[in-house]
Amino acid sequence: MPSNHCDTSEGGGPPEWLTLALEVPPLDVRPILADGTDPYATVMASADGVILGGSLVIDAPFNPSPLRRVMAGRGFSSYGRKLAEGHWRVFFHLDGGTDWESGAEVEVLPEGAMIWREEDGIHIDVRKLPPPDPLRAIIRLIESLKGAETVVVHHEREPHFLAPELAERGWRIARMASEVVNVRLWLERES
């Protein structure tokens, strides 16, 4: 299977269990997201049917790190591959969650937002938080950063009050992408 990006396990390559998961047909959540529906319940229902030693495969439009953290809590290890722009395939293996996602630890902030690091910067997921918690979490994060880090915000909608708050702190929204239930904003310091 071609791969532009993939996770690596501690041993420097894919986990041994991946060969077992390659035979499992993927659950493609991209059409569900495109219809404006959160696929979480569908994924959890599918996960409920996996027996110990079994696998679940998800196709998503992005690397679903917060989902991978939730699945780790349910005993699943995971391994992800970026197959193309807007297409990730994530393999979940029910083994006790011993290797859930190498190199992408997720931290939960006081407001409930989750942050993790990827190649394009520090990601913060503020979806499902009631206002004003998303704004508080984003501001707390950017105020803690030194240097020219890029922050990628995952939000449910365009945050109208964010731009003025960013400007006061020397930041700006560099670009934005909307995928129905996942509005992503790339934040950068003003030059």
C-alpha atoms as a PDB file:
ATOM      1  CA  MET A   1       0.000   0.000   0.000  1.00  0.00           C
ATOM      2  CA  PRO A   2       1.561   3.396  -0.964  1.00  0.00           C
ATOM      3  CA  SER A   3       2.204   5.785   1.872  1.00  0.00           C
ATOM      4  CA  ASN A   4       3.148   9.449   1.997  1.00  0.00           C
ATOM      5  CA  HIS A   5       3.278   9.469   5.803  1.00  0.00           C
ATOM      6  CA  CYS A   6       2.985   6.827   8.417  1.00  0.00           C
ATOM      7  CA  ASP A   7       3.447   6.314  12.113  1.00  0.00           C
ATOM      8  CA  THR A   8       6.314   4.182  13.238  1.00  0.00           C
ATOM      9  CA  SER A   9       6.427   1.924  16.224  1.00  0.00           C
ATOM     10  CA  GLU A  10       9.291   1.734  18.705  1.00  0.00           C
ATOM     11  CA  GLY A  11      11.082  -0.791  16.480  1.00  0.00           C
ATOM     12  CA  GLY A  12      11.341   1.664  13.560  1.00  0.00           C
ATOM     13  CA  GLY A  13       8.645   0.151  11.341  1.00  0.00           C
ATOM     14  CA  PRO A  14       5.004  -0.863  11.323  1.00  0.00           C
ATOM     15  CA  PRO A  15       3.805  -2.966  14.257  1.00  0.00           C
ATOM     16  CA  GLU A  16       3.732  -6.737  13.839  1.00  0.00           C
ATOM     17  CA  TRP A  17      -0.059  -6.865  14.196  1.00  0.00           C
ATOM     18  CA  LEU A  18      -0.546  -4.682  11.090  1.00  0.00           C
ATOM     19  CA  THR A  19      -0.508  -7.723   8.804  1.00  0.00           C
ATOM     20  CA  LEU A  20      -3.614  -9.011  10.612  1.00  0.00           C
ATOM     21  CA  ALA A  21      -5.426  -5.692  10.075  1.00  0.00           C
ATOM     22  CA  LEU A  22      -4.670  -5.431   6.344  1.00  0.00           C
ATOM     23  CA  GLU A  23      -7.413  -7.977   5.590  1.00  0.00           C
ATOM     24  CA  VAL A  24     -10.140  -5.951   7.347  1.00  0.00           C
ATOM     25  CA  PRO A  25     -12.328  -3.830   5.020  1.00  0.00           C
ATOM     26  CA  PRO A  26     -12.174  -0.160   6.051  1.00  0.00           C
ATOM     27  CA  LEU A  27     -15.039   1.821   7.553  1.00  0.00           C
ATOM     28  CA  ASP A  28     -14.943   5.017   5.462  1.00  0.00           C
ATOM     29  CA  VAL A  29     -16.115   7.923   7.636  1.00  0.00           C
ATOM     30  CA  ARG A  30     -15.394  10.568   4.978  1.00  0.00           C
ATOM     31  CA  PRO A  31     -18.929  10.416   3.471  1.00  0.00           C
ATOM     32  CA  ILE A  32     -20.425  10.582   6.977  1.00  0.00           C
ATOM     33  CA  LEU A  33     -18.424  13.730   7.712  1.00  0.00           C
ATOM     34  CA  ALA A  34     -19.318  15.168   4.289  1.00  0.00           C
ATOM     35  CA  ASP A  35     -23.013  14.788   5.207  1.00  0.00           C
ATOM     36  CA  GLY A  36     -22.396  16.928   8.289  1.00  0.00           C
ATOM     37  CA  THR A  37     -22.704  14.057  10.770  1.00  0.00           C
ATOM     38  CA  ASP A  38     -20.222  13.188  13.495  1.00  0.00           C
ATOM     39  CA  PRO A  39     -19.085   9.573  12.847  1.00  0.00           C
ATOM     40  CA  TYR A  40     -18.102   8.962  16.491  1.00  0.00           C
ATOM     41  CA  ALA A  41     -21.167   6.812  17.310  1.00  0.00           C
ATOM     42  CA  THR A  42     -20.670   4.746  14.133  1.00  0.00           C
ATOM     43  CA  VAL A  43     -17.001   4.143  14.955  1.00  0.00           C
ATOM     44  CA  MET A  44     -17.784   3.229  18.580  1.00  0.00           C
ATOM     45  CA  ALA A  45     -20.522   0.810  17.462  1.00  0.00           C
ATOM     46  CA  SER A  46     -18.046  -0.849  15.099  1.00  0.00           C
ATOM     47  CA  ALA A  47     -15.396  -0.976  17.837  1.00  0.00           C
ATOM     48  CA  ASP A  48     -17.868  -2.704  20.159  1.00  0.00           C
ATOM     49  CA  GLY A  49     -17.982  -5.633  17.728  1.00  0.00           C
ATOM     50  CA  VAL A  50     -14.218  -6.224  17.709  1.00  0.00           C
ATOM     51  CA  ILE A  51     -13.009  -9.189  19.775  1.00  0.00           C
ATOM     52  CA  LEU A  52      -9.616  -9.359  21.528  1.00  0.00           C
ATOM     53  CA  GLY A  53      -6.958  -9.789  18.850  1.00  0.00           C
ATOM     54  CA  GLY A  54      -9.272  -8.336  16.192  1.00  0.00           C
ATOM     55  CA  SER A  55      -8.961  -5.166  14.147  1.00  0.00           C
ATOM     56  CA  LEU A  56     -10.942  -2.187  12.918  1.00  0.00           C
ATOM     57  CA  VAL A  57      -9.837  -0.017   9.988  1.00  0.00           C
ATOM     58  CA  ILE A  58     -11.038   3.569   9.506  1.00  0.00           C
ATOM     59  CA  ASP A  59     -10.644   5.814   6.445  1.00  0.00           C
ATOM     60  CA  ALA A  60     -10.760   9.488   7.455  1.00  0.00           C
ATOM     61  CA  PRO A  61      -9.977  12.845   5.824  1.00  0.00           C
ATOM     62  CA  PHE A  62      -7.280  13.608   8.459  1.00  0.00           C
ATOM     63  CA  ASN A  63      -5.257  11.846  11.145  1.00  0.00           C
ATOM     64  CA  PRO A  64      -7.871  11.399  13.917  1.00  0.00           C
ATOM     65  CA  SER A  65      -5.477  11.686  16.889  1.00  0.00           C
ATOM     66  CA  PRO A  66      -8.213  12.404  19.474  1.00  0.00           C
ATOM     67  CA  LEU A  67     -10.160   9.320  18.283  1.00  0.00           C
ATOM     68  CA  ARG A  68      -6.977   7.281  18.508  1.00  0.00           C
ATOM     69  CA  ARG A  69      -6.571   8.414  22.124  1.00  0.00           C
ATOM     70  CA  VAL A  70     -10.167   7.385  22.924  1.00  0.00           C
ATOM     71  CA  MET A  71      -9.628   4.014  21.251  1.00  0.00           C
ATOM     72  CA  ALA A  72      -6.399   3.529  23.242  1.00  0.00           C
ATOM     73  CA  GLY A  73      -8.482   3.977  26.371  1.00  0.00           C
ATOM     74  CA  ARG A  74     -10.651   1.117  25.093  1.00  0.00           C
ATOM     75  CA  GLY A  75      -7.618  -1.135  24.610  1.00  0.00           C
ATOM     76  CA  PHE A  76      -6.803  -0.524  20.927  1.00  0.00           C
ATOM     77  CA  SER A  77      -3.331   0.073  19.536  1.00  0.00           C
ATOM     78  CA  SER A  78      -3.309   2.102  16.321  1.00  0.00           C
ATOM     79  CA  TYR A  79      -1.184   2.738  13.276  1.00  0.00           C
ATOM     80  CA  GLY A  80      -1.972   5.404  10.667  1.00  0.00           C
ATOM     81  CA  ARG A  81      -0.993   6.006   7.077  1.00  0.00           C
ATOM     82  CA  LYS A  82      -1.635   9.070   4.953  1.00  0.00           C
ATOM     83  CA  LEU A  83      -2.638   7.567   1.605  1.00  0.00           C
ATOM     84  CA  ALA A  84      -3.321  10.858  -0.188  1.00  0.00           C
ATOM     85  CA  GLU A  85      -4.242  14.438   0.595  1.00  0.00           C
ATOM     86  CA  GLY A  86      -7.469  14.241   2.592  1.00  0.00           C
ATOM     87  CA  HIS A  87      -7.262  10.442   3.021  1.00  0.00           C
ATOM     88  CA  TRP A  88      -5.853   8.709   6.091  1.00  0.00           C
ATOM     89  CA  ARG A  89      -6.229   5.009   6.837  1.00  0.00           C
ATOM     90  CA  VAL A  90      -5.959   4.153  10.534  1.00  0.00           C
ATOM     91  CA  PHE A  91      -5.643   0.554  11.683  1.00  0.00           C
ATOM     92  CA  PHE A  92      -6.876  -0.301  15.190  1.00  0.00           C
ATOM     93  CA  HIS A  93      -5.945  -3.573  16.895  1.00  0.00           C
ATOM     94  CA  LEU A  94      -7.613  -4.693  20.134  1.00  0.00           C
ATOM     95  CA  ASP A  95      -4.633  -5.818  22.218  1.00  0.00           C
ATOM     96  CA  GLY A  96      -4.801  -3.697  25.360  1.00  0.00           C
ATOM     97  CA  GLY A  97      -3.610  -0.473  23.719  1.00  0.00           C
ATOM     98  CA  THR A  98       0.104  -1.142  24.167  1.00  0.00           C
ATOM     99  CA  ASP A  99       1.169   0.907  21.113  1.00  0.00           C
ATOM    100  CA  TRP A 100      -1.614   3.369  20.476  1.00  0.00           C
ATOM    101  CA  GLU A 101       0.210   6.036  18.517  1.00  0.00           C
ATOM    102  CA  SER A 102       3.951   6.466  18.522  1.00  0.00           C
ATOM    103  CA  GLY A 103       5.206  10.009  18.781  1.00  0.00           C
ATOM    104  CA  ALA A 104       1.835  11.726  19.130  1.00  0.00           C
ATOM    105  CA  GLU A 105       1.011  12.011  22.804  1.00  0.00           C
ATOM    106  CA  VAL A 106      -2.187  13.933  23.411  1.00  0.00           C
ATOM    107  CA  GLU A 107      -2.412  16.288  26.377  1.00  0.00           C
ATOM    108  CA  VAL A 108      -5.801  17.338  27.754  1.00  0.00           C
ATOM    109  CA  LEU A 109      -5.980  20.985  28.864  1.00  0.00           C
ATOM    110  CA  PRO A 110      -8.081  22.200  31.833  1.00  0.00           C
ATOM    111  CA  GLU A 111     -10.959  23.227  29.510  1.00  0.00           C
ATOM    112  CA  GLY A 112     -11.048  19.743  27.972  1.00  0.00           C
ATOM    113  CA  ALA A 113      -9.248  20.692  24.743  1.00  0.00           C
ATOM    114  CA  MET A 114      -6.736  18.164  23.428  1.00  0.00           C
ATOM    115  CA  ILE A 115      -3.331  19.143  22.029  1.00  0.00           C
ATOM    116  CA  TRP A 116      -0.768  17.092  20.121  1.00  0.00           C
ATOM    117  CA  ARG A 117       2.084  17.672  17.698  1.00  0.00           C
ATOM    118  CA  GLU A 118       2.148  16.740  14.011  1.00  0.00           C
ATOM    119  CA  GLU A 119       4.466  17.665  11.144  1.00  0.00           C
ATOM    120  CA  ASP A 120       2.571  20.887  10.380  1.00  0.00           C
ATOM    121  CA  GLY A 121       2.561  22.211  13.959  1.00  0.00           C
ATOM    122  CA  ILE A 122       0.820  21.936  17.293  1.00  0.00           C
ATOM    123  CA  HIS A 123      -2.805  20.821  16.952  1.00  0.00           C
ATOM    124  CA  ILE A 124      -5.557  21.775  19.386  1.00  0.00           C
ATOM    125  CA  ASP A 125      -9.015  20.207  19.218  1.00  0.00           C
ATOM    126  CA  VAL A 126     -11.687  22.410  20.806  1.00  0.00           C
ATOM    127  CA  ARG A 127     -14.702  20.730  19.218  1.00  0.00           C
ATOM    128  CA  LYS A 128     -17.472  19.763  21.650  1.00  0.00           C
ATOM    129  CA  LEU A 129     -16.400  22.421  24.191  1.00  0.00           C
ATOM    130  CA  PRO A 130     -19.039  24.970  25.244  1.00  0.00           C
ATOM    131  CA  PRO A 131     -18.247  28.675  24.671  1.00  0.00           C
ATOM    132  CA  PRO A 132     -16.082  30.429  25.815  1.00  0.00           C
ATOM    133  CA  ASP A 133     -13.841  27.402  26.561  1.00  0.00           C
ATOM    134  CA  PRO A 134     -12.552  27.015  22.962  1.00  0.00           C
ATOM    135  CA  LEU A 135     -11.341  30.638  22.931  1.00  0.00           C
ATOM    136  CA  ARG A 136      -9.774  30.278  26.402  1.00  0.00           C
ATOM    137  CA  ALA A 137      -7.931  27.091  25.426  1.00  0.00           C
ATOM    138  CA  ILE A 138      -6.580  28.567  22.172  1.00  0.00           C
ATOM    139  CA  ILE A 139      -5.397  31.757  23.895  1.00  0.00           C
ATOM    140  CA  ARG A 140      -3.790  29.774  26.733  1.00  0.00           C
ATOM    141  CA  LEU A 141      -1.904  27.676  24.167  1.00  0.00           C
ATOM    142  CA  ILE A 142      -0.586  30.543  22.019  1.00  0.00           C
ATOM    143  CA  GLU A 143       0.460  32.513  25.109  1.00  0.00           C
ATOM    144  CA  SER A 144       2.531  29.524  26.257  1.00  0.00           C
ATOM    145  CA  LEU A 145       4.462  29.216  22.982  1.00  0.00           C
ATOM    146  CA  LYS A 146       7.858  30.702  22.231  1.00  0.00           C
ATOM    147  CA  GLY A 147       9.118  31.201  18.708  1.00  0.00           C
ATOM    148  CA  ALA A 148       7.405  30.699  15.368  1.00  0.00           C
ATOM    149  CA  GLU A 149       5.277  27.596  16.039  1.00  0.00           C
ATOM    150  CA  THR A 150       2.211  27.061  13.847  1.00  0.00           C
ATOM    151  CA  VAL A 151      -0.983  26.177  15.722  1.00  0.00           C
ATOM    152  CA  VAL A 152      -3.677  24.171  13.921  1.00  0.00           C
ATOM    153  CA  VAL A 153      -7.093  24.600  15.536  1.00  0.00           C
ATOM    154  CA  HIS A 154      -9.820  21.970  15.074  1.00  0.00           C
ATOM    155  CA  HIS A 155     -13.179  23.655  15.680  1.00  0.00           C
ATOM    156  CA  GLU A 156     -16.828  22.915  14.875  1.00  0.00           C
ATOM    157  CA  ARG A 157     -17.447  26.352  13.395  1.00  0.00           C
ATOM    158  CA  GLU A 158     -15.608  29.519  12.421  1.00  0.00           C
ATOM    159  CA  PRO A 159     -14.739  31.303  15.687  1.00  0.00           C
ATOM    160  CA  HIS A 160     -15.707  34.932  15.032  1.00  0.00           C
ATOM    161  CA  PHE A 161     -14.223  36.317  18.257  1.00  0.00           C
ATOM    162  CA  LEU A 162     -10.835  34.661  17.796  1.00  0.00           C
ATOM    163  CA  ALA A 163      -9.254  37.013  15.212  1.00  0.00           C
ATOM    164  CA  PRO A 164      -9.349  40.174  17.392  1.00  0.00           C
ATOM    165  CA  GLU A 165      -7.956  38.227  20.370  1.00  0.00           C
ATOM    166  CA  LEU A 166      -5.151  36.869  18.190  1.00  0.00           C
ATOM    167  CA  ALA A 167      -4.325  40.319  16.813  1.00  0.00           C
ATOM    168  CA  GLU A 168      -3.942  41.699  20.346  1.00  0.00           C
ATOM    169  CA  ARG A 169      -1.326  39.022  20.981  1.00  0.00           C
ATOM    170  CA  GLY A 170       0.552  39.388  17.681  1.00  0.00           C
ATOM    171  CA  TRP A 171      -0.998  36.327  15.994  1.00  0.00           C
ATOM    172  CA  ARG A 172      -3.189  35.889  12.907  1.00  0.00           C
ATOM    173  CA  ILE A 173      -5.257  33.275  11.106  1.00  0.00           C
ATOM    174  CA  ALA A 174      -2.977  32.366   8.188  1.00  0.00           C
ATOM    175  CA  ARG A 175      -5.498  30.084   6.470  1.00  0.00           C
ATOM    176  CA  MET A 176      -8.678  28.138   7.096  1.00  0.00           C
ATOM    177  CA  ALA A 177     -10.233  24.919   5.743  1.00  0.00           C
ATOM    178  CA  SER A 178     -13.764  23.756   6.403  1.00  0.00           C
ATOM    179  CA  GLU A 179     -14.779  20.081   6.306  1.00  0.00           C
ATOM    180  CA  VAL A 180     -18.381  20.343   7.545  1.00  0.00           C
ATOM    181  CA  VAL A 181     -17.877  19.346  11.211  1.00  0.00           C
ATOM    182  CA  ASN A 182     -14.162  20.154  11.323  1.00  0.00           C
ATOM    183  CA  VAL A 183     -13.140  23.742  10.664  1.00  0.00           C
ATOM    184  CA  ARG A 184      -9.350  23.939  10.746  1.00  0.00           C
ATOM    185  CA  LEU A 185      -7.485  27.204  11.297  1.00  0.00           C
ATOM    186  CA  TRP A 186      -3.725  27.631  10.931  1.00  0.00           C
ATOM    187  CA  LEU A 187      -2.511  30.314  13.347  1.00  0.00           C
ATOM    188  CA  GLU A 188       0.846  32.049  13.034  1.00  0.00           C
ATOM    189  CA  ARG A 189       2.669  34.906  14.727  1.00  0.00           C
ATOM    190  CA  GLU A 190       2.718  38.148  12.791  1.00  0.00           C
ATOM    191  CA  SER A 191       6.093  38.657  11.085  1.00  0.00           C
END
